[in-house]
Amino acid sequence: MTENTIGTAGVTLTDLGKRYGPEWAGVQAVEGVDLDIASGEFIAIVGASGCGKSTVLRILAGFEAATSGSVAVGGAPIIAPGPDRGVVFQDYGLFPWLSVKENIAYGPKRRRLPKNRVSELADRFTETVGLTRFADKYPGQLSGGMQQRVAIARVLANEPKVLLMDEPFGALDALTQSELQAELKRIHVETRTTVVFVTHSIEEAVFLADRVVVMTGGASHGVAGHVARIVTIDLPEPRDVTTPEFNEYKREISDLVHGTGDHV
């Protein structure tokens, strides 16, 4: 496999806010979010529906603009989508008329990279996600888990500095989720790309992340979504979901998400 050439960058959110609609009649979805993410760090964001975690991710992606505060990647303000950020959604979004390798090569081709470099990237990330034997298959011939592997590889082939993931495993069965979580951990160790991962699953967050950002609030609670606490996960690798220590982190975060823990 070729040497890792993916760059990485830190992410900074400063007093980030998002309001929908006019000030006199709108909804303050997110308010006062401060977060420094180190280069190469894996951050998970958890919280109940409507707390603003996906809104924060969309602002990071450049799909939406913040209405207050600022957000930057590698010190550069985010004003629009860009190649420094790759996004993986729950919906795979693959091109059904392209093979696995062609889907993965799509981004590098659009960037007009030399043909040999396009092929090198496509081969590398097809291998990275364990689909070399399926390189010539089409999305309709693959399972959901395999399609999500292609979606991850397609983003990585664009060599982003930050990988943004919005509940990418939420539609998969439990066994496939576990397999892809372990695969994502391995890929993160290999590439050291900065990852921001939104999930409803507290167990998934504790298994994957260096730190878990717990968001609470939201319109249904009558208060803007905000960061309740950031929990550093100090567990040895590989992480064992059956240990008392792992389950203590789950209980702590669950208490915060459901409003029974102390906020800071």
Protein backbone atom coordinates (compact mmCIF):
# COMPACT_ATOMS: atom_id res chain seq x y z
CA MET A 1 0.00 0.00 0.00
CA THR A 2 1.29 3.47 -0.78
CA GLU A 3 2.35 5.74 2.04
CA ASN A 4 -0.33 7.91 3.61
CA THR A 5 -0.51 11.29 1.89
CA ILE A 6 -3.70 12.56 3.51
CA GLY A 7 -3.23 15.82 5.33
CA THR A 8 -4.97 16.65 8.56
CA ALA A 9 -6.01 19.83 10.30
CA GLY A 10 -7.45 21.09 13.55
CA VAL A 11 -10.94 22.56 13.80
CA THR A 12 -11.98 25.53 15.94
CA LEU A 13 -15.54 26.56 16.78
CA THR A 14 -15.83 29.84 18.68
CA ASP A 15 -19.15 30.95 20.23
CA LEU A 16 -20.91 29.28 17.30
CA GLY A 17 -24.61 29.99 16.85
CA LYS A 18 -27.29 29.24 14.27
CA ARG A 19 -30.71 30.90 14.09
CA TYR A 20 -33.45 30.00 11.64
CA GLY A 21 -35.88 32.76 10.71
CA PRO A 22 -35.97 36.40 11.86
CA GLU A 23 -34.78 37.40 15.31
CA TRP A 24 -38.27 38.35 16.44
CA ALA A 25 -39.93 35.10 15.36
CA GLY A 26 -37.22 32.58 14.52
CA VAL A 27 -35.69 29.61 16.32
CA GLN A 28 -32.24 29.64 17.90
CA ALA A 29 -31.08 26.13 16.99
CA VAL A 30 -27.54 26.31 18.36
CA GLU A 31 -25.88 28.84 20.65
CA GLY A 32 -22.49 29.41 22.24
CA VAL A 33 -20.68 26.33 20.98
CA ASP A 34 -16.95 26.46 21.74
CA LEU A 35 -14.79 23.54 20.66
CA ASP A 36 -11.12 23.05 19.80
CA ILE A 37 -10.42 19.82 17.90
CA ALA A 38 -6.79 18.82 17.58
CA SER A 39 -5.34 17.71 14.27
CA GLY A 40 -5.87 13.95 13.94
CA GLU A 41 -8.37 13.77 16.78
CA PHE A 42 -11.58 11.70 16.65
CA ILE A 43 -14.52 13.63 18.10
CA ALA A 44 -18.03 12.22 18.51
CA ILE A 45 -21.05 14.48 19.03
CA VAL A 46 -24.06 12.95 20.80
CA GLY A 47 -27.39 14.27 22.03
CA ALA A 48 -31.13 13.83 21.72
CA SER A 49 -32.93 14.62 18.48
CA GLY A 50 -33.17 18.36 17.87
CA CYS A 51 -30.21 19.33 20.05
CA GLY A 52 -28.32 20.78 17.07
CA LYS A 53 -25.57 18.21 16.53
CA SER A 54 -26.29 17.79 12.81
CA THR A 55 -26.62 21.57 12.46
CA VAL A 56 -23.08 21.94 13.80
CA LEU A 57 -21.87 19.32 11.32
CA ARG A 58 -23.58 21.07 8.39
CA ILE A 59 -21.94 24.35 9.37
CA LEU A 60 -18.56 22.58 9.51
CA ALA A 61 -19.23 21.15 6.06
CA GLY A 62 -20.08 24.60 4.72
CA PHE A 63 -23.61 23.56 3.77
CA GLU A 64 -25.06 26.16 6.14
CA ALA A 65 -23.68 29.46 7.43
CA ALA A 66 -23.44 30.26 11.11
CA THR A 67 -25.40 33.31 12.23
CA SER A 68 -22.95 34.09 15.04
CA GLY A 69 -19.47 33.10 16.07
CA SER A 70 -16.93 31.48 13.79
CA VAL A 71 -15.61 28.14 12.60
CA ALA A 72 -12.25 27.41 11.01
CA VAL A 73 -10.28 24.45 9.67
CA GLY A 74 -6.52 24.74 9.93
CA GLY A 75 -6.98 28.39 10.83
CA ALA A 76 -8.93 29.18 7.64
CA PRO A 77 -12.55 30.36 8.09
CA ILE A 78 -15.23 28.10 6.62
CA ILE A 79 -17.44 29.99 4.18
CA ALA A 80 -18.51 27.19 1.81
CA PRO A 81 -18.00 23.47 1.12
CA GLY A 82 -14.41 22.65 0.24
CA PRO A 83 -12.07 19.77 -0.59
CA ASP A 84 -10.42 20.03 2.84
CA ARG A 85 -13.61 18.50 4.31
CA GLY A 86 -15.17 15.21 3.27
CA VAL A 87 -18.71 14.29 4.33
CA VAL A 88 -20.23 10.83 4.80
CA PHE A 89 -23.99 10.56 5.37
CA GLN A 90 -26.27 7.69 6.37
CA ASP A 91 -27.44 7.64 2.75
CA TYR A 92 -24.53 6.24 0.75
CA GLY A 93 -25.12 8.50 -2.28
CA LEU A 94 -23.19 6.25 -4.67
CA PHE A 95 -23.52 6.48 -8.45
CA PRO A 96 -25.33 3.24 -9.38
CA TRP A 97 -23.94 3.25 -12.93
CA LEU A 98 -20.32 3.30 -11.72
CA SER A 99 -18.38 0.36 -10.31
CA VAL A 100 -16.84 0.38 -6.83
CA LYS A 101 -13.49 1.53 -8.16
CA GLU A 102 -15.08 4.09 -10.49
CA ASN A 103 -17.09 5.56 -7.60
CA ILE A 104 -13.93 5.89 -5.53
CA ALA A 105 -12.04 7.41 -8.47
CA TYR A 106 -14.76 9.97 -9.19
CA GLY A 107 -13.41 12.73 -6.94
CA PRO A 108 -9.78 12.48 -8.03
CA LYS A 109 -10.95 12.55 -11.67
CA ARG A 110 -13.00 15.69 -11.00
CA ARG A 111 -9.88 17.25 -9.51
CA ARG A 112 -8.16 16.51 -12.82
CA LEU A 113 -5.34 14.56 -11.23
CA PRO A 114 -3.03 12.61 -13.55
CA LYS A 115 -4.50 9.30 -14.64
CA ASN A 116 -1.90 7.23 -12.80
CA ARG A 117 -2.57 9.18 -9.57
CA VAL A 118 -6.34 8.65 -9.94
CA SER A 119 -5.77 4.92 -10.35
CA GLU A 120 -3.35 4.84 -7.42
CA LEU A 121 -5.84 6.56 -5.09
CA ALA A 122 -8.73 4.37 -6.24
CA ASP A 123 -6.71 1.20 -5.72
CA ARG A 124 -5.39 2.33 -2.37
CA PHE A 125 -8.75 3.16 -0.84
CA THR A 126 -10.52 0.20 -2.40
CA GLU A 127 -7.95 -1.86 -0.51
CA THR A 128 -8.22 0.28 2.63
CA VAL A 129 -11.92 -0.57 3.01
CA GLY A 130 -11.39 -4.22 2.11
CA LEU A 131 -13.19 -4.24 -1.23
CA THR A 132 -10.43 -5.12 -3.69
CA ARG A 133 -12.26 -8.32 -4.70
CA PHE A 134 -15.37 -6.25 -5.41
CA ALA A 135 -13.71 -3.40 -7.33
CA ASP A 136 -15.66 -4.14 -10.52
CA LYS A 137 -19.04 -4.68 -8.84
CA TYR A 138 -21.81 -2.07 -8.91
CA PRO A 139 -23.57 -0.62 -5.85
CA GLY A 140 -26.72 -2.61 -6.50
CA GLN A 141 -24.69 -5.81 -6.17
CA LEU A 142 -23.39 -4.89 -2.70
CA SER A 143 -24.81 -5.09 0.81
CA GLY A 144 -25.57 -1.91 2.73
CA GLY A 145 -22.40 -2.26 4.77
CA MET A 146 -20.28 -2.68 1.67
CA GLN A 147 -21.91 0.35 0.05
CA GLN A 148 -21.05 2.43 3.11
CA ARG A 149 -17.44 1.23 2.85
CA VAL A 150 -17.42 2.54 -0.72
CA ALA A 151 -18.86 5.87 0.46
CA ILE A 152 -16.08 6.20 3.05
CA ALA A 153 -13.40 5.24 0.52
CA ARG A 154 -14.77 7.72 -2.03
CA VAL A 155 -14.44 10.56 0.50
CA LEU A 156 -10.96 9.47 1.61
CA ALA A 157 -9.78 9.35 -2.02
CA ASN A 158 -10.32 13.12 -2.11
CA GLU A 159 -7.64 13.38 0.59
CA PRO A 160 -9.62 15.62 2.98
CA LYS A 161 -8.03 17.09 6.09
CA VAL A 162 -11.25 16.59 8.06
CA LEU A 163 -13.78 13.76 7.77
CA LEU A 164 -17.34 14.71 8.77
CA MET A 165 -19.73 11.81 9.40
CA ASP A 166 -23.45 12.19 10.10
CA GLU A 167 -24.80 8.94 11.58
CA PRO A 168 -23.14 6.92 8.79
CA PHE A 169 -23.98 3.52 10.31
CA GLY A 170 -27.47 4.33 11.58
CA ALA A 171 -29.35 2.41 8.89
CA LEU A 172 -27.30 -0.79 9.19
CA ASP A 173 -27.95 -3.90 11.26
CA ALA A 174 -26.13 -4.26 14.59
CA LEU A 175 -23.53 -6.76 13.37
CA THR A 176 -22.64 -4.65 10.33
CA GLN A 177 -22.48 -1.54 12.53
CA SER A 178 -19.95 -3.26 14.81
CA GLU A 179 -17.84 -4.36 11.85
CA LEU A 180 -17.76 -0.89 10.32
CA GLN A 181 -17.02 0.78 13.65
CA ALA A 182 -13.94 -1.42 14.00
CA GLU A 183 -13.03 -0.72 10.38
CA LEU A 184 -13.35 3.04 10.90
CA LYS A 185 -11.09 2.84 13.95
CA ARG A 186 -8.47 1.05 11.85
CA ILE A 187 -8.76 3.58 9.01
CA HIS A 188 -8.43 6.48 11.44
CA VAL A 189 -5.25 4.99 12.91
CA GLU A 190 -3.87 4.55 9.38
CA THR A 191 -4.78 7.96 7.94
CA ARG A 192 -4.84 10.15 11.10
CA THR A 193 -7.49 12.29 9.44
CA THR A 194 -9.39 14.52 11.87
CA VAL A 195 -12.88 13.03 12.35
CA VAL A 196 -16.09 14.66 13.59
CA PHE A 197 -18.72 11.95 13.99
CA VAL A 198 -22.38 12.63 14.82
CA THR A 199 -24.32 9.74 16.32
CA HIS A 200 -27.37 8.90 18.45
CA SER A 201 -25.55 5.86 19.85
CA ILE A 202 -23.68 6.52 23.08
CA GLU A 203 -21.97 3.13 22.88
CA GLU A 204 -20.75 3.94 19.36
CA ALA A 205 -19.40 7.30 20.53
CA VAL A 206 -17.51 5.78 23.48
CA PHE A 207 -16.11 3.01 21.30
CA LEU A 208 -14.84 5.34 18.57
CA ALA A 209 -13.94 8.73 19.98
CA ASP A 210 -11.04 10.35 21.78
CA ARG A 211 -13.57 12.81 23.21
CA VAL A 212 -17.37 12.85 23.24
CA VAL A 213 -19.15 16.20 22.93
CA VAL A 214 -22.52 15.99 24.67
CA MET A 215 -25.11 18.45 23.36
CA THR A 216 -28.41 19.20 25.07
CA GLY A 217 -31.29 21.60 24.56
CA GLY A 218 -33.08 22.29 21.29
CA ALA A 219 -36.36 23.89 20.28
CA SER A 220 -38.49 21.21 21.97
CA HIS A 221 -36.75 22.02 25.26
CA GLY A 222 -37.24 25.77 24.90
CA VAL A 223 -33.51 26.46 24.92
CA ALA A 224 -30.93 26.55 22.14
CA GLY A 225 -28.78 23.50 21.54
CA HIS A 226 -25.48 23.81 23.35
CA VAL A 227 -22.55 21.80 24.68
CA ALA A 228 -23.33 20.37 28.12
CA ARG A 229 -19.97 18.69 28.61
CA ILE A 230 -17.00 17.26 26.74
CA VAL A 231 -15.99 13.83 28.03
CA THR A 232 -12.48 12.52 27.40
CA ILE A 233 -12.52 8.76 26.84
CA ASP A 234 -9.50 7.33 28.63
CA LEU A 235 -9.70 3.65 27.70
CA PRO A 236 -7.05 1.28 26.33
CA GLU A 237 -7.23 0.06 22.74
CA PRO A 238 -8.81 -2.08 21.48
CA ARG A 239 -11.82 -0.98 23.47
CA ASP A 240 -13.94 -3.67 25.09
CA VAL A 241 -17.63 -2.71 25.31
CA THR A 242 -18.19 -5.25 28.12
CA THR A 243 -15.85 -3.73 30.71
CA PRO A 244 -17.11 -1.82 33.77
CA GLU A 245 -15.00 1.19 32.73
CA PHE A 246 -16.61 1.33 29.27
CA ASN A 247 -20.07 1.09 30.76
CA GLU A 248 -19.30 3.78 33.32
CA TYR A 249 -18.60 6.20 30.43
CA LYS A 250 -21.89 5.14 28.83
CA ARG A 251 -23.80 5.85 32.05
CA GLU A 252 -22.13 9.23 32.53
CA ILE A 253 -22.93 10.36 29.00
CA SER A 254 -26.45 8.92 29.08
CA ASP A 255 -27.16 10.88 32.26
CA LEU A 256 -26.02 14.07 30.54
CA VAL A 257 -28.03 13.41 27.37
CA HIS A 258 -31.19 12.72 29.37
CA GLY A 259 -30.71 15.64 31.72
CA THR A 260 -29.93 13.72 34.92
CA GLY A 261 -26.21 14.54 35.06
CA ASP A 262 -24.48 17.67 36.28
CA HIS A 263 -23.75 20.25 33.58
CA VAL A 264 -20.63 22.36 33.44
